[in-house]
């Protein structure tokens, strides 16, 4: 299964996202969360990317969607609805950036 992380932060393949290092989910404010969040749905990740803030706290950086490889602490996100197919782990490795899919109208 493929996993996707949406953000406005810029990462490179091989970068490791670690819980506790960035504001919640790389751009959703609040103190750093101990988890990295991602979804099996590229569309859901793209929605999160559009809603996220960039490292400066604004919306100037482009939304980005990355394919990620979570670590062994992978588990279902207890807060999101099941249809979001959202999960979390203590860390995840960036595999590559993918183009966000456009919403179908």
C-alpha atoms as a PDB file:
ATOM      1  CA  UNK A   1       0.000   0.000   0.000  1.00  0.00           C
ATOM      2  CA  UNK A   2       1.158   3.544  -0.707  1.00  0.00           C
ATOM      3  CA  UNK A   3       1.062   6.242   1.965  1.00  0.00           C
ATOM      4  CA  UNK A   4       0.922  10.011   1.359  1.00  0.00           C
ATOM      5  CA  UNK A   5       1.765  13.023   3.526  1.00  0.00           C
ATOM      6  CA  UNK A   6       0.455  16.508   2.676  1.00  0.00           C
ATOM      7  CA  UNK A   7       2.290  19.658   3.756  1.00  0.00           C
ATOM      8  CA  UNK A   8       3.741  22.985   2.601  1.00  0.00           C
ATOM      9  CA  UNK A   9       7.186  22.051   3.926  1.00  0.00           C
ATOM     10  CA  UNK A  10       9.836  21.118   1.357  1.00  0.00           C
ATOM     11  CA  UNK A  11      11.504  17.736   1.771  1.00  0.00           C
ATOM     12  CA  UNK A  12      13.830  15.568  -0.309  1.00  0.00           C
ATOM     13  CA  UNK A  13      13.744  11.803  -0.877  1.00  0.00           C
ATOM     14  CA  UNK A  14      15.412  10.099   2.075  1.00  0.00           C
ATOM     15  CA  UNK A  15      14.484  12.848   4.569  1.00  0.00           C
ATOM     16  CA  UNK A  16      13.028  11.459   7.754  1.00  0.00           C
ATOM     17  CA  UNK A  17       9.930  13.063   9.249  1.00  0.00           C
ATOM     18  CA  UNK A  18      10.009  12.593  13.000  1.00  0.00           C
ATOM     19  CA  UNK A  19       7.248  13.198  15.506  1.00  0.00           C
ATOM     20  CA  UNK A  20       8.098  15.973  17.954  1.00  0.00           C
ATOM     21  CA  UNK A  21      10.244  17.980  15.507  1.00  0.00           C
ATOM     22  CA  UNK A  22       7.685  20.089  13.619  1.00  0.00           C
ATOM     23  CA  UNK A  23       4.373  21.756  14.430  1.00  0.00           C
ATOM     24  CA  UNK A  24       1.558  19.236  14.231  1.00  0.00           C
ATOM     25  CA  UNK A  25       1.592  17.491  10.852  1.00  0.00           C
ATOM     26  CA  UNK A  26       4.107  19.932   9.380  1.00  0.00           C
ATOM     27  CA  UNK A  27       1.922  22.989   9.204  1.00  0.00           C
ATOM     28  CA  UNK A  28      -1.185  22.694  11.349  1.00  0.00           C
ATOM     29  CA  UNK A  29       0.055  24.739  14.285  1.00  0.00           C
ATOM     30  CA  UNK A  30       0.237  23.800  17.904  1.00  0.00           C
ATOM     31  CA  UNK A  31       3.129  22.171  19.683  1.00  0.00           C
ATOM     32  CA  UNK A  32       4.984  19.376  17.922  1.00  0.00           C
ATOM     33  CA  UNK A  33       3.003  16.146  17.985  1.00  0.00           C
ATOM     34  CA  UNK A  34       4.798  12.884  18.773  1.00  0.00           C
ATOM     35  CA  UNK A  35       3.485  11.432  15.505  1.00  0.00           C
ATOM     36  CA  UNK A  36       3.723  11.990  11.756  1.00  0.00           C
ATOM     37  CA  UNK A  37       0.344  11.726   9.999  1.00  0.00           C
ATOM     38  CA  UNK A  38      -0.339  10.383   6.502  1.00  0.00           C
ATOM     39  CA  UNK A  39      -3.115   8.803   4.453  1.00  0.00           C
ATOM     40  CA  UNK A  40      -3.612   5.962   2.006  1.00  0.00           C
ATOM     41  CA  UNK A  41      -5.539   8.527  -0.080  1.00  0.00           C
ATOM     42  CA  UNK A  42      -3.481  10.920  -2.186  1.00  0.00           C
ATOM     43  CA  UNK A  43      -6.577  13.130  -2.437  1.00  0.00           C
ATOM     44  CA  UNK A  44      -6.858  13.400   1.351  1.00  0.00           C
ATOM     45  CA  UNK A  45      -3.135  14.214   1.633  1.00  0.00           C
ATOM     46  CA  UNK A  46      -3.575  16.930  -1.023  1.00  0.00           C
ATOM     47  CA  UNK A  47      -6.459  18.446   0.973  1.00  0.00           C
ATOM     48  CA  UNK A  48      -4.291  18.528   4.101  1.00  0.00           C
ATOM     49  CA  UNK A  49      -1.471  20.121   2.076  1.00  0.00           C
ATOM     50  CA  UNK A  50      -3.785  22.911   0.846  1.00  0.00           C
ATOM     51  CA  UNK A  51      -4.928  23.645   4.410  1.00  0.00           C
ATOM     52  CA  UNK A  52      -1.437  23.531   5.964  1.00  0.00           C
ATOM     53  CA  UNK A  53       0.750  26.497   6.798  1.00  0.00           C
ATOM     54  CA  UNK A  54       4.313  26.774   5.571  1.00  0.00           C
ATOM     55  CA  UNK A  55       7.384  26.964   7.864  1.00  0.00           C
ATOM     56  CA  UNK A  56       6.975  30.748   8.211  1.00  0.00           C
ATOM     57  CA  UNK A  57       3.369  30.308   9.392  1.00  0.00           C
ATOM     58  CA  UNK A  58       1.791  31.545   6.147  1.00  0.00           C
ATOM     59  CA  UNK A  59       0.454  30.067   2.942  1.00  0.00           C
ATOM     60  CA  UNK A  60       3.118  31.268   0.483  1.00  0.00           C
ATOM     61  CA  UNK A  61       4.857  27.919  -0.057  1.00  0.00           C
ATOM     62  CA  UNK A  62       3.119  25.577  -2.497  1.00  0.00           C
ATOM     63  CA  UNK A  63       1.136  22.618  -1.186  1.00  0.00           C
ATOM     64  CA  UNK A  64       3.143  19.406  -1.557  1.00  0.00           C
ATOM     65  CA  UNK A  65       2.247  15.738  -1.382  1.00  0.00           C
ATOM     66  CA  UNK A  66       4.903  13.161  -0.621  1.00  0.00           C
ATOM     67  CA  UNK A  67       4.857   9.406  -0.783  1.00  0.00           C
ATOM     68  CA  UNK A  68       6.175   8.211   2.584  1.00  0.00           C
ATOM     69  CA  UNK A  69       7.326   4.972   4.185  1.00  0.00           C
ATOM     70  CA  UNK A  70       6.193   4.845   7.858  1.00  0.00           C
ATOM     71  CA  UNK A  71       8.183   3.122  10.575  1.00  0.00           C
ATOM     72  CA  UNK A  72       7.043   0.070  12.507  1.00  0.00           C
ATOM     73  CA  UNK A  73       4.942   2.134  14.963  1.00  0.00           C
ATOM     74  CA  UNK A  74       2.353   2.594  12.153  1.00  0.00           C
ATOM     75  CA  UNK A  75      -1.251   2.682  13.457  1.00  0.00           C
ATOM     76  CA  UNK A  76      -4.658   4.040  12.447  1.00  0.00           C
ATOM     77  CA  UNK A  77      -5.203   7.699  13.368  1.00  0.00           C
ATOM     78  CA  UNK A  78      -7.656   7.547  16.298  1.00  0.00           C
ATOM     79  CA  UNK A  79      -9.013  11.055  15.615  1.00  0.00           C
ATOM     80  CA  UNK A  80      -9.797  11.006  11.863  1.00  0.00           C
ATOM     81  CA  UNK A  81     -12.863   9.413  10.323  1.00  0.00           C
ATOM     82  CA  UNK A  82     -12.227   5.988   8.741  1.00  0.00           C
ATOM     83  CA  UNK A  83     -12.944   7.301   5.222  1.00  0.00           C
ATOM     84  CA  UNK A  84      -9.874   9.566   5.495  1.00  0.00           C
ATOM     85  CA  UNK A  85      -7.761   6.384   5.682  1.00  0.00           C
ATOM     86  CA  UNK A  86      -5.425   8.356   7.931  1.00  0.00           C
ATOM     87  CA  UNK A  87      -2.662   6.770   9.985  1.00  0.00           C
ATOM     88  CA  UNK A  88       0.228   7.868  12.156  1.00  0.00           C
ATOM     89  CA  UNK A  89       3.693   6.700  13.157  1.00  0.00           C
ATOM     90  CA  UNK A  90       6.593   8.044  15.183  1.00  0.00           C
ATOM     91  CA  UNK A  91       8.498   8.648  11.958  1.00  0.00           C
ATOM     92  CA  UNK A  92       8.255   8.239   8.206  1.00  0.00           C
ATOM     93  CA  UNK A  93      10.779   8.472   5.405  1.00  0.00           C
ATOM     94  CA  UNK A  94      10.148  10.610   2.327  1.00  0.00           C
ATOM     95  CA  UNK A  95      10.134   8.371  -0.762  1.00  0.00           C
ATOM     96  CA  UNK A  96       9.376  11.046  -3.355  1.00  0.00           C
ATOM     97  CA  UNK A  97       7.186  14.053  -4.069  1.00  0.00           C
ATOM     98  CA  UNK A  98       4.059  13.298  -6.081  1.00  0.00           C
ATOM     99  CA  UNK A  99       1.754  15.630  -7.958  1.00  0.00           C
ATOM    100  CA  UNK A 100      -1.447  16.238  -6.002  1.00  0.00           C
ATOM    101  CA  UNK A 101      -4.507  15.000  -7.821  1.00  0.00           C
ATOM    102  CA  UNK A 102      -7.006  17.654  -8.697  1.00  0.00           C
ATOM    103  CA  UNK A 103     -10.441  17.439  -7.193  1.00  0.00           C
ATOM    104  CA  UNK A 104     -12.984  15.986  -9.556  1.00  0.00           C
ATOM    105  CA  UNK A 105     -15.908  18.281 -10.159  1.00  0.00           C
END
